[in-house]
Amino acid sequence: MTPTPRPRFGIMTAPMQVTYDDLLRVWREADTIPEIEHAWLFDHLMPIAGDPNGPVFEGWTLLAALAAQTHRLRLGLLVTSNRFRPPAMLAKIATTVDVVSGGRLDFGIGVGSRPNPPEARREYPAHGLPFQDTADAVESLAEACTLIRRLWTESEPFEFHGSRHRLTGAFGNPKPVQRPYPPIVIGGRSAATLRVAAEHADVWNIPGGDLDDAVRRSALLDRYCAESGRDPAAITRSIHLPVSYDRPGTTRDAIGEALDAGFRHIVLGLPAPYPAGVARWVTDEVIAKSAQAPAVRPVV
């Protein structure tokens, strides 16, 4: 019998309504704590909460800066909007971050912001970016995963003629540090996205909040993997769970339920402003105590 993989805990710091110094302080502290194995940013160009005109940092630029300031954490965006950047350019950006980090990138990607909330939708016209309909966006994501992987692995220039993307003389140099390429983390919950994940993902992530729905989506991913001849166990199940500073027990309960449901990659969302020593606090009050006494989810 294959042993159950141990849980791996990480943090997410949404880079909005905060300063670079705030984020750097938290990431540097987390980098010294072995129990925190990964750290994440999001990919939005305008705030999606709080002051709509408040500060927000571009995710990949910030990730490169934090990669250069840390040494151990695996790191990534949860998840990149495939609508924001041409995939060949994204492959080059991601390779650069993998090199800067010494091979610590987890490559998160997804379809991109849904039409709701309006706070997310407005960033497209504000930056002169088209907003594809959902079917086109999913097809674009599938092609992007294919051509990005080819740019990371192929040793000669190639042509790519898809329905959404066309490349002539495409070639990536340098290659990522990680071989054959950085782990691909696909985020999303729609059936169409899960089909893409079944083909391309090493890790699948879903936002928490409705665990029953997450379990159903995970089962649907299992089905799509089986239909394509892929072992469902090859895809690690990841979930994002918000942290409550005032009620850490609520967060611990959510972690226990997620672990019992088969989610072994736990991303703990830290709300801003970040208290002093927040990485140590979340380790001692949430991660360590969740490992000691996980909740038991009834079988239904």
C-alpha atoms as a PDB file:
ATOM      1  CA  MET A   1       0.000   0.000   0.000  1.00  0.00           C
ATOM      2  CA  THR A   2       1.389   3.401  -0.970  1.00  0.00           C
ATOM      3  CA  PRO A   3       1.902   5.612   2.101  1.00  0.00           C
ATOM      4  CA  THR A   4      -0.036   8.863   2.263  1.00  0.00           C
ATOM      5  CA  PRO A   5       2.246  11.783   1.387  1.00  0.00           C
ATOM      6  CA  ARG A   6       2.951  14.083   4.291  1.00  0.00           C
ATOM      7  CA  PRO A   7       1.279  17.478   4.201  1.00  0.00           C
ATOM      8  CA  ARG A   8       3.295  20.437   2.962  1.00  0.00           C
ATOM      9  CA  PHE A   9       2.369  23.849   4.315  1.00  0.00           C
ATOM     10  CA  GLY A  10       2.948  27.240   2.759  1.00  0.00           C
ATOM     11  CA  ILE A  11       1.784  30.833   2.981  1.00  0.00           C
ATOM     12  CA  MET A  12       0.216  33.295   0.566  1.00  0.00           C
ATOM     13  CA  THR A  13       0.657  37.043   0.824  1.00  0.00           C
ATOM     14  CA  ALA A  14      -1.604  38.924  -1.586  1.00  0.00           C
ATOM     15  CA  PRO A  15       0.545  41.834  -2.850  1.00  0.00           C
ATOM     16  CA  MET A  16      -2.127  44.518  -2.493  1.00  0.00           C
ATOM     17  CA  GLN A  17      -2.694  47.204   0.136  1.00  0.00           C
ATOM     18  CA  VAL A  18       0.813  46.462   1.453  1.00  0.00           C
ATOM     19  CA  THR A  19       4.355  47.711   0.917  1.00  0.00           C
ATOM     20  CA  TYR A  20       7.315  45.830  -0.497  1.00  0.00           C
ATOM     21  CA  ASP A  21       8.972  46.027   2.926  1.00  0.00           C
ATOM     22  CA  ASP A  22       5.901  44.354   4.489  1.00  0.00           C
ATOM     23  CA  LEU A  23       6.123  41.444   2.070  1.00  0.00           C
ATOM     24  CA  LEU A  24       9.897  41.121   2.284  1.00  0.00           C
ATOM     25  CA  ARG A  25       9.744  40.968   6.072  1.00  0.00           C
ATOM     26  CA  VAL A  26       7.225  38.102   6.039  1.00  0.00           C
ATOM     27  CA  TRP A  27       9.002  36.122   3.310  1.00  0.00           C
ATOM     28  CA  ARG A  28      12.418  36.462   4.945  1.00  0.00           C
ATOM     29  CA  GLU A  29      10.998  35.247   8.238  1.00  0.00           C
ATOM     30  CA  ALA A  30       9.198  32.336   6.565  1.00  0.00           C
ATOM     31  CA  ASP A  31      12.406  31.391   4.763  1.00  0.00           C
ATOM     32  CA  THR A  32      13.998  30.592   8.151  1.00  0.00           C
ATOM     33  CA  ILE A  33      11.163  28.279   9.281  1.00  0.00           C
ATOM     34  CA  PRO A  34      11.376  24.717   7.886  1.00  0.00           C
ATOM     35  CA  GLU A  35       7.706  23.978   8.555  1.00  0.00           C
ATOM     36  CA  ILE A  36       6.796  26.610   5.937  1.00  0.00           C
ATOM     37  CA  GLU A  37       7.856  24.992   2.677  1.00  0.00           C
ATOM     38  CA  HIS A  38       6.340  27.262   0.022  1.00  0.00           C
ATOM     39  CA  ALA A  39       5.211  30.878  -0.413  1.00  0.00           C
ATOM     40  CA  TRP A  40       2.897  32.483  -2.959  1.00  0.00           C
ATOM     41  CA  LEU A  41       1.732  35.761  -4.448  1.00  0.00           C
ATOM     42  CA  PHE A  42      -1.328  36.343  -6.611  1.00  0.00           C
ATOM     43  CA  ASP A  43      -1.579  37.735 -10.140  1.00  0.00           C
ATOM     44  CA  HIS A  44      -3.770  40.838 -10.302  1.00  0.00           C
ATOM     45  CA  LEU A  45      -3.022  44.272 -11.700  1.00  0.00           C
ATOM     46  CA  MET A  46      -5.502  46.174  -9.533  1.00  0.00           C
ATOM     47  CA  PRO A  47      -6.759  45.526  -5.986  1.00  0.00           C
ATOM     48  CA  ILE A  48      -9.591  43.040  -5.643  1.00  0.00           C
ATOM     49  CA  ALA A  49     -10.295  43.973  -1.996  1.00  0.00           C
ATOM     50  CA  GLY A  50      -9.985  47.078   0.107  1.00  0.00           C
ATOM     51  CA  ASP A  51      -9.313  50.466  -1.450  1.00  0.00           C
ATOM     52  CA  PRO A  52      -9.926  49.981  -5.196  1.00  0.00           C
ATOM     53  CA  ASN A  53      -7.281  52.621  -5.907  1.00  0.00           C
ATOM     54  CA  GLY A  54      -4.789  51.230  -3.409  1.00  0.00           C
ATOM     55  CA  PRO A  55      -1.378  49.776  -4.216  1.00  0.00           C
ATOM     56  CA  VAL A  56      -0.873  46.408  -5.887  1.00  0.00           C
ATOM     57  CA  PHE A  57       2.361  44.950  -7.250  1.00  0.00           C
ATOM     58  CA  GLU A  58       2.871  43.057 -10.498  1.00  0.00           C
ATOM     59  CA  GLY A  59       3.271  39.435  -9.455  1.00  0.00           C
ATOM     60  CA  TRP A  60       6.145  38.093 -11.549  1.00  0.00           C
ATOM     61  CA  THR A  61       8.362  41.139 -11.027  1.00  0.00           C
ATOM     62  CA  LEU A  62       7.790  40.940  -7.287  1.00  0.00           C
ATOM     63  CA  LEU A  63       8.348  37.180  -7.290  1.00  0.00           C
ATOM     64  CA  ALA A  64      11.759  37.641  -8.906  1.00  0.00           C
ATOM     65  CA  ALA A  65      12.700  40.176  -6.229  1.00  0.00           C
ATOM     66  CA  LEU A  66      11.599  37.875  -3.413  1.00  0.00           C
ATOM     67  CA  ALA A  67      13.339  34.915  -5.038  1.00  0.00           C
ATOM     68  CA  ALA A  68      16.589  36.853  -4.860  1.00  0.00           C
ATOM     69  CA  GLN A  69      15.989  37.636  -1.166  1.00  0.00           C
ATOM     70  CA  THR A  70      15.200  34.071  -0.044  1.00  0.00           C
ATOM     71  CA  HIS A  71      17.147  30.814  -0.104  1.00  0.00           C
ATOM     72  CA  ARG A  72      14.912  27.845   0.751  1.00  0.00           C
ATOM     73  CA  LEU A  73      11.223  28.475   0.086  1.00  0.00           C
ATOM     74  CA  ARG A  74       9.598  27.115  -3.015  1.00  0.00           C
ATOM     75  CA  LEU A  75       7.702  29.997  -4.572  1.00  0.00           C
ATOM     76  CA  GLY A  76       5.171  30.942  -7.216  1.00  0.00           C
ATOM     77  CA  LEU A  77       2.021  32.798  -8.204  1.00  0.00           C
ATOM     78  CA  LEU A  78      -1.320  31.306  -7.227  1.00  0.00           C
ATOM     79  CA  VAL A  79      -2.022  31.507 -10.073  1.00  0.00           C
ATOM     80  CA  THR A  80      -0.813  33.376 -13.136  1.00  0.00           C
ATOM     81  CA  SER A  81      -3.580  34.724 -15.350  1.00  0.00           C
ATOM     82  CA  ASN A  82      -2.984  33.256 -18.784  1.00  0.00           C
ATOM     83  CA  ARG A  83      -4.939  36.238 -20.123  1.00  0.00           C
ATOM     84  CA  PHE A  84      -2.267  38.772 -19.088  1.00  0.00           C
ATOM     85  CA  ARG A  85       0.851  37.682 -21.003  1.00  0.00           C
ATOM     86  CA  PRO A  86       1.634  35.865 -24.250  1.00  0.00           C
ATOM     87  CA  PRO A  87       2.613  32.328 -23.207  1.00  0.00           C
ATOM     88  CA  ALA A  88       6.021  32.387 -24.884  1.00  0.00           C
ATOM     89  CA  MET A  89       6.866  35.565 -22.984  1.00  0.00           C
ATOM     90  CA  LEU A  90       5.528  33.957 -19.805  1.00  0.00           C
ATOM     91  CA  ALA A  91       7.799  30.957 -20.361  1.00  0.00           C
ATOM     92  CA  LYS A  92      10.799  33.314 -20.522  1.00  0.00           C
ATOM     93  CA  ILE A  93       9.700  35.189 -17.396  1.00  0.00           C
ATOM     94  CA  ALA A  94       9.195  31.951 -15.460  1.00  0.00           C
ATOM     95  CA  THR A  95      12.555  30.591 -16.573  1.00  0.00           C
ATOM     96  CA  THR A  96      14.210  33.765 -15.315  1.00  0.00           C
ATOM     97  CA  VAL A  97      12.602  33.371 -11.897  1.00  0.00           C
ATOM     98  CA  ASP A  98      13.596  29.697 -11.734  1.00  0.00           C
ATOM     99  CA  VAL A  99      17.202  30.670 -12.466  1.00  0.00           C
ATOM    100  CA  VAL A 100      17.186  33.558  -9.978  1.00  0.00           C
ATOM    101  CA  SER A 101      15.749  31.274  -7.275  1.00  0.00           C
ATOM    102  CA  GLY A 102      18.184  28.433  -7.950  1.00  0.00           C
ATOM    103  CA  GLY A 103      15.407  26.100  -9.075  1.00  0.00           C
ATOM    104  CA  ARG A 104      12.656  26.824  -6.538  1.00  0.00           C
ATOM    105  CA  LEU A 105       9.813  27.878  -8.841  1.00  0.00           C
ATOM    106  CA  ASP A 106       6.420  26.193  -8.811  1.00  0.00           C
ATOM    107  CA  PHE A 107       4.776  27.430 -12.009  1.00  0.00           C
ATOM    108  CA  GLY A 108       1.193  28.376 -11.206  1.00  0.00           C
ATOM    109  CA  ILE A 109      -1.155  29.129 -14.081  1.00  0.00           C
ATOM    110  CA  GLY A 110      -4.875  29.328 -14.728  1.00  0.00           C
ATOM    111  CA  VAL A 111      -7.455  30.663 -17.137  1.00  0.00           C
ATOM    112  CA  GLY A 112      -7.494  34.088 -15.479  1.00  0.00           C
ATOM    113  CA  SER A 113     -10.020  36.197 -13.630  1.00  0.00           C
ATOM    114  CA  ARG A 114     -13.666  35.287 -13.932  1.00  0.00           C
ATOM    115  CA  PRO A 115     -16.101  38.034 -14.967  1.00  0.00           C
ATOM    116  CA  ASN A 116     -16.894  38.407 -11.273  1.00  0.00           C
ATOM    117  CA  PRO A 117     -16.010  40.032  -8.977  1.00  0.00           C
ATOM    118  CA  PRO A 118     -16.097  43.323 -10.884  1.00  0.00           C
ATOM    119  CA  GLU A 119     -12.905  44.333  -9.070  1.00  0.00           C
ATOM    120  CA  ALA A 120     -11.060  41.642 -11.025  1.00  0.00           C
ATOM    121  CA  ARG A 121     -12.761  42.270 -14.367  1.00  0.00           C
ATOM    122  CA  ARG A 122     -11.909  45.997 -14.449  1.00  0.00           C
ATOM    123  CA  GLU A 123      -8.151  45.412 -14.666  1.00  0.00           C
ATOM    124  CA  TYR A 124      -8.424  44.246 -18.287  1.00  0.00           C
ATOM    125  CA  PRO A 125      -9.750  47.426 -19.930  1.00  0.00           C
ATOM    126  CA  ALA A 126      -7.668  49.479 -17.494  1.00  0.00           C
ATOM    127  CA  HIS A 127      -4.524  47.917 -18.990  1.00  0.00           C
ATOM    128  CA  GLY A 128      -5.687  47.578 -22.587  1.00  0.00           C
ATOM    129  CA  LEU A 129      -6.011  43.811 -22.312  1.00  0.00           C
ATOM    130  CA  PRO A 130      -8.717  41.800 -24.099  1.00  0.00           C
ATOM    131  CA  PHE A 131     -11.014  39.626 -22.008  1.00  0.00           C
ATOM    132  CA  GLN A 132     -11.640  36.378 -23.896  1.00  0.00           C
ATOM    133  CA  ASP A 133     -14.829  34.457 -23.358  1.00  0.00           C
ATOM    134  CA  THR A 134     -14.488  31.368 -21.206  1.00  0.00           C
ATOM    135  CA  ALA A 135     -14.292  28.768 -23.985  1.00  0.00           C
ATOM    136  CA  ASP A 136     -11.558  30.681 -25.791  1.00  0.00           C
ATOM    137  CA  ALA A 137      -9.681  31.284 -22.548  1.00  0.00           C
ATOM    138  CA  VAL A 138      -9.676  27.582 -21.617  1.00  0.00           C
ATOM    139  CA  GLU A 139      -8.467  26.588 -25.071  1.00  0.00           C
ATOM    140  CA  SER A 140      -5.762  29.232 -24.803  1.00  0.00           C
ATOM    141  CA  LEU A 141      -4.676  27.805 -21.431  1.00  0.00           C
ATOM    142  CA  ALA A 142      -4.347  24.285 -22.832  1.00  0.00           C
ATOM    143  CA  GLU A 143      -2.214  25.518 -25.727  1.00  0.00           C
ATOM    144  CA  ALA A 144      -0.150  27.683 -23.384  1.00  0.00           C
ATOM    145  CA  CYS A 145       0.718  24.697 -21.180  1.00  0.00           C
ATOM    146  CA  THR A 146       1.831  22.734 -24.234  1.00  0.00           C
ATOM    147  CA  LEU A 147       3.986  25.403 -25.815  1.00  0.00           C
ATOM    148  CA  ILE A 148       5.530  26.590 -22.509  1.00  0.00           C
ATOM    149  CA  ARG A 149       6.635  23.041 -21.746  1.00  0.00           C
ATOM    150  CA  ARG A 150       8.135  22.769 -25.244  1.00  0.00           C
ATOM    151  CA  LEU A 151      10.022  26.040 -24.810  1.00  0.00           C
ATOM    152  CA  TRP A 152      11.426  24.696 -21.546  1.00  0.00           C
ATOM    153  CA  THR A 153      12.553  21.361 -22.968  1.00  0.00           C
ATOM    154  CA  GLU A 154      13.204  21.401 -26.722  1.00  0.00           C
ATOM    155  CA  SER A 155      16.756  21.832 -27.936  1.00  0.00           C
ATOM    156  CA  GLU A 156      15.940  23.263 -31.377  1.00  0.00           C
ATOM    157  CA  PRO A 157      13.654  26.070 -32.605  1.00  0.00           C
ATOM    158  CA  PHE A 158      10.153  24.937 -33.512  1.00  0.00           C
ATOM    159  CA  GLU A 159       6.910  26.151 -35.055  1.00  0.00           C
ATOM    160  CA  PHE A 160       3.642  26.171 -33.148  1.00  0.00           C
ATOM    161  CA  HIS A 161       0.377  26.647 -34.992  1.00  0.00           C
ATOM    162  CA  GLY A 162      -2.515  26.365 -32.567  1.00  0.00           C
ATOM    163  CA  SER A 163      -5.983  27.819 -32.778  1.00  0.00           C
ATOM    164  CA  ARG A 164      -5.120  30.483 -30.165  1.00  0.00           C
ATOM    165  CA  HIS A 165      -1.335  30.849 -30.382  1.00  0.00           C
ATOM    166  CA  ARG A 166       1.108  30.812 -33.299  1.00  0.00           C
ATOM    167  CA  LEU A 167       4.888  30.868 -32.924  1.00  0.00           C
ATOM    168  CA  THR A 168       7.567  30.950 -35.593  1.00  0.00           C
ATOM    169  CA  GLY A 169      11.125  29.946 -34.730  1.00  0.00           C
ATOM    170  CA  ALA A 170      10.198  29.502 -31.076  1.00  0.00           C
ATOM    171  CA  PHE A 171      13.096  28.664 -28.774  1.00  0.00           C
ATOM    172  CA  GLY A 172      13.871  29.056 -25.097  1.00  0.00           C
ATOM    173  CA  ASN A 173      17.423  29.660 -23.850  1.00  0.00           C
ATOM    174  CA  PRO A 174      18.401  29.403 -21.056  1.00  0.00           C
ATOM    175  CA  LYS A 175      16.342  26.481 -19.842  1.00  0.00           C
ATOM    176  CA  PRO A 176      14.914  26.341 -16.316  1.00  0.00           C
ATOM    177  CA  VAL A 177      17.186  25.017 -13.590  1.00  0.00           C
ATOM    178  CA  GLN A 178      14.653  22.310 -12.735  1.00  0.00           C
ATOM    179  CA  ARG A 179      14.550  19.365 -15.116  1.00  0.00           C
ATOM    180  CA  PRO A 180      12.664  18.528 -17.093  1.00  0.00           C
ATOM    181  CA  TYR A 181      10.827  21.724 -16.042  1.00  0.00           C
ATOM    182  CA  PRO A 182       9.326  23.416 -12.966  1.00  0.00           C
ATOM    183  CA  PRO A 183       6.250  21.714 -11.492  1.00  0.00           C
ATOM    184  CA  ILE A 184       3.074  22.996 -13.143  1.00  0.00           C
ATOM    185  CA  VAL A 185       0.362  24.123 -10.721  1.00  0.00           C
ATOM    186  CA  ILE A 186      -3.027  24.657 -12.374  1.00  0.00           C
ATOM    187  CA  GLY A 187      -5.642  26.522 -10.381  1.00  0.00           C
ATOM    188  CA  GLY A 188      -9.375  26.522 -10.958  1.00  0.00           C
ATOM    189  CA  ARG A 189     -12.598  24.677 -10.304  1.00  0.00           C
ATOM    190  CA  SER A 190     -14.526  24.596 -13.606  1.00  0.00           C
ATOM    191  CA  ALA A 191     -14.925  21.274 -15.415  1.00  0.00           C
ATOM    192  CA  ALA A 192     -13.146  22.694 -18.470  1.00  0.00           C
ATOM    193  CA  THR A 193     -10.139  23.757 -16.402  1.00  0.00           C
ATOM    194  CA  LEU A 194     -10.038  20.376 -14.670  1.00  0.00           C
ATOM    195  CA  ARG A 195      -9.718  18.702 -18.071  1.00  0.00           C
ATOM    196  CA  VAL A 196      -6.654  20.855 -18.746  1.00  0.00           C
ATOM    197  CA  ALA A 197      -5.293  19.992 -15.299  1.00  0.00           C
ATOM    198  CA  ALA A 198      -5.788  16.276 -15.927  1.00  0.00           C
ATOM    199  CA  GLU A 199      -3.477  16.548 -18.928  1.00  0.00           C
ATOM    200  CA  HIS A 200      -0.880  19.063 -17.770  1.00  0.00           C
ATOM    201  CA  ALA A 201      -0.834  19.600 -13.987  1.00  0.00           C
ATOM    202  CA  ASP A 202       1.590  18.269 -11.406  1.00  0.00           C
ATOM    203  CA  VAL A 203      -0.412  20.091  -8.729  1.00  0.00           C
ATOM    204  CA  TRP A 204      -4.047  21.209  -8.829  1.00  0.00           C
ATOM    205  CA  ASN A 205      -5.156  24.057  -6.547  1.00  0.00           C
ATOM    206  CA  ILE A 206      -8.620  25.179  -5.548  1.00  0.00           C
ATOM    207  CA  PRO A 207      -9.705  28.010  -3.237  1.00  0.00           C
ATOM    208  CA  GLY A 208     -11.128  26.784   0.037  1.00  0.00           C
ATOM    209  CA  GLY A 209     -14.409  27.854   1.576  1.00  0.00           C
ATOM    210  CA  ASP A 210     -16.627  25.019   0.347  1.00  0.00           C
ATOM    211  CA  LEU A 211     -14.832  21.782   1.106  1.00  0.00           C
ATOM    212  CA  ASP A 212     -17.670  19.588  -0.142  1.00  0.00           C
ATOM    213  CA  ASP A 213     -17.412  21.282  -3.528  1.00  0.00           C
ATOM    214  CA  ALA A 214     -13.617  20.907  -3.487  1.00  0.00           C
ATOM    215  CA  VAL A 215     -14.012  17.179  -2.825  1.00  0.00           C
ATOM    216  CA  ARG A 216     -16.460  16.843  -5.715  1.00  0.00           C
ATOM    217  CA  ARG A 217     -14.089  18.729  -8.016  1.00  0.00           C
ATOM    218  CA  SER A 218     -11.213  16.512  -6.942  1.00  0.00           C
ATOM    219  CA  ALA A 219     -13.289  13.432  -7.788  1.00  0.00           C
ATOM    220  CA  LEU A 220     -14.071  14.935 -11.191  1.00  0.00           C
ATOM    221  CA  LEU A 221     -10.350  15.455 -11.760  1.00  0.00           C
ATOM    222  CA  ASP A 222      -9.831  11.777 -10.896  1.00  0.00           C
ATOM    223  CA  ARG A 223     -12.369  10.861 -13.565  1.00  0.00           C
ATOM    224  CA  TYR A 224     -10.759  13.034 -16.210  1.00  0.00           C
ATOM    225  CA  CYS A 225      -7.352  11.553 -15.399  1.00  0.00           C
ATOM    226  CA  ALA A 226      -8.742   8.035 -15.760  1.00  0.00           C
ATOM    227  CA  GLU A 227     -10.338   8.930 -19.094  1.00  0.00           C
ATOM    228  CA  SER A 228      -6.999  10.184 -20.394  1.00  0.00           C
ATOM    229  CA  GLY A 229      -5.017   7.234 -19.048  1.00  0.00           C
ATOM    230  CA  ARG A 230      -3.215   9.228 -16.372  1.00  0.00           C
ATOM    231  CA  ASP A 231      -2.822   8.101 -12.766  1.00  0.00           C
ATOM    232  CA  PRO A 232      -4.863  10.536 -10.611  1.00  0.00           C
ATOM    233  CA  ALA A 233      -2.282  10.118  -7.846  1.00  0.00           C
ATOM    234  CA  ALA A 234       0.240  11.860 -10.084  1.00  0.00           C
ATOM    235  CA  ILE A 235      -1.511  15.184  -9.372  1.00  0.00           C
ATOM    236  CA  THR A 236      -1.051  16.618  -5.871  1.00  0.00           C
ATOM    237  CA  ARG A 237      -4.229  18.199  -4.470  1.00  0.00           C
ATOM    238  CA  SER A 238      -3.720  21.730  -3.140  1.00  0.00           C
ATOM    239  CA  ILE A 239      -6.116  24.043  -1.330  1.00  0.00           C
ATOM    240  CA  HIS A 240      -5.961  27.691  -0.285  1.00  0.00           C
ATOM    241  CA  LEU A 241      -7.327  28.361   3.208  1.00  0.00           C
ATOM    242  CA  PRO A 242      -7.598  31.811   4.821  1.00  0.00           C
ATOM    243  CA  VAL A 243      -5.955  32.317   8.188  1.00  0.00           C
ATOM    244  CA  SER A 244      -7.852  33.932  11.062  1.00  0.00           C
ATOM    245  CA  TYR A 245      -5.548  35.715  13.504  1.00  0.00           C
ATOM    246  CA  ASP A 246      -8.394  36.062  16.019  1.00  0.00           C
ATOM    247  CA  ARG A 247      -9.719  32.497  15.710  1.00  0.00           C
ATOM    248  CA  PRO A 248      -6.819  30.198  14.819  1.00  0.00           C
ATOM    249  CA  GLY A 249      -8.870  27.213  15.897  1.00  0.00           C
ATOM    250  CA  THR A 250     -11.199  27.783  12.958  1.00  0.00           C
ATOM    251  CA  THR A 251      -8.223  27.666  10.618  1.00  0.00           C
ATOM    252  CA  ARG A 252      -6.903  24.516  12.275  1.00  0.00           C
ATOM    253  CA  ASP A 253     -10.274  22.823  11.867  1.00  0.00           C
ATOM    254  CA  ALA A 254     -10.350  23.732   8.168  1.00  0.00           C
ATOM    255  CA  ILE A 255      -6.850  22.310   7.717  1.00  0.00           C
ATOM    256  CA  GLY A 256      -7.802  19.060   9.437  1.00  0.00           C
ATOM    257  CA  GLU A 257     -10.852  18.627   7.235  1.00  0.00           C
ATOM    258  CA  ALA A 258      -8.831  19.377   4.089  1.00  0.00           C
ATOM    259  CA  LEU A 259      -6.146  16.866   5.056  1.00  0.00           C
ATOM    260  CA  ASP A 260      -8.760  14.201   5.713  1.00  0.00           C
ATOM    261  CA  ALA A 261     -10.256  14.937   2.289  1.00  0.00           C
ATOM    262  CA  GLY A 262      -6.938  14.232   0.554  1.00  0.00           C
ATOM    263  CA  PHE A 263      -5.512  17.734   0.152  1.00  0.00           C
ATOM    264  CA  ARG A 264      -1.837  17.469   1.090  1.00  0.00           C
ATOM    265  CA  HIS A 265      -0.595  20.833  -0.212  1.00  0.00           C
ATOM    266  CA  ILE A 266      -1.952  23.550   2.083  1.00  0.00           C
ATOM    267  CA  VAL A 267      -1.632  27.242   1.238  1.00  0.00           C
ATOM    268  CA  LEU A 268      -2.430  29.485   4.202  1.00  0.00           C
ATOM    269  CA  GLY A 269      -3.619  32.941   3.166  1.00  0.00           C
ATOM    270  CA  LEU A 270      -2.262  35.608   5.517  1.00  0.00           C
ATOM    271  CA  PRO A 271      -4.444  38.721   5.701  1.00  0.00           C
ATOM    272  CA  ALA A 272      -2.765  42.120   5.772  1.00  0.00           C
ATOM    273  CA  PRO A 273      -1.653  43.999   7.764  1.00  0.00           C
ATOM    274  CA  TYR A 274       0.856  41.364   8.852  1.00  0.00           C
ATOM    275  CA  PRO A 275       1.557  41.275  12.596  1.00  0.00           C
ATOM    276  CA  ALA A 276       5.174  41.189  13.712  1.00  0.00           C
ATOM    277  CA  GLY A 277       6.439  37.608  13.696  1.00  0.00           C
ATOM    278  CA  VAL A 278       3.436  36.382  11.691  1.00  0.00           C
ATOM    279  CA  ALA A 279       5.315  33.507  10.042  1.00  0.00           C
ATOM    280  CA  ARG A 280       6.435  32.125  13.410  1.00  0.00           C
ATOM    281  CA  TRP A 281       2.925  32.659  14.814  1.00  0.00           C
ATOM    282  CA  VAL A 282       1.224  30.760  11.984  1.00  0.00           C
ATOM    283  CA  THR A 283       3.772  27.954  12.385  1.00  0.00           C
ATOM    284  CA  ASP A 284       3.269  27.601  16.133  1.00  0.00           C
ATOM    285  CA  GLU A 285      -0.466  28.312  16.383  1.00  0.00           C
ATOM    286  CA  VAL A 286      -1.769  26.809  13.148  1.00  0.00           C
ATOM    287  CA  ILE A 287       0.628  24.442  11.391  1.00  0.00           C
ATOM    288  CA  ALA A 288       2.112  22.683  14.440  1.00  0.00           C
ATOM    289  CA  LYS A 289      -1.202  22.310  16.239  1.00  0.00           C
ATOM    290  CA  SER A 290      -2.968  21.089  13.094  1.00  0.00           C
ATOM    291  CA  ALA A 291      -0.367  18.348  12.736  1.00  0.00           C
ATOM    292  CA  GLN A 292      -0.838  17.335  16.365  1.00  0.00           C
ATOM    293  CA  ALA A 293      -4.635  17.052  16.294  1.00  0.00           C
ATOM    294  CA  PRO A 294      -6.145  16.934  12.806  1.00  0.00           C
ATOM    295  CA  ALA A 295      -9.893  17.069  12.546  1.00  0.00           C
ATOM    296  CA  VAL A 296     -11.734  13.926  11.534  1.00  0.00           C
ATOM    297  CA  ARG A 297     -14.070  14.368   8.610  1.00  0.00           C
ATOM    298  CA  PRO A 298     -16.926  11.874   8.550  1.00  0.00           C
ATOM    299  CA  VAL A 299     -17.151   9.579   5.545  1.00  0.00           C
ATOM    300  CA  VAL A 300     -20.253  10.326   3.476  1.00  0.00           C
END
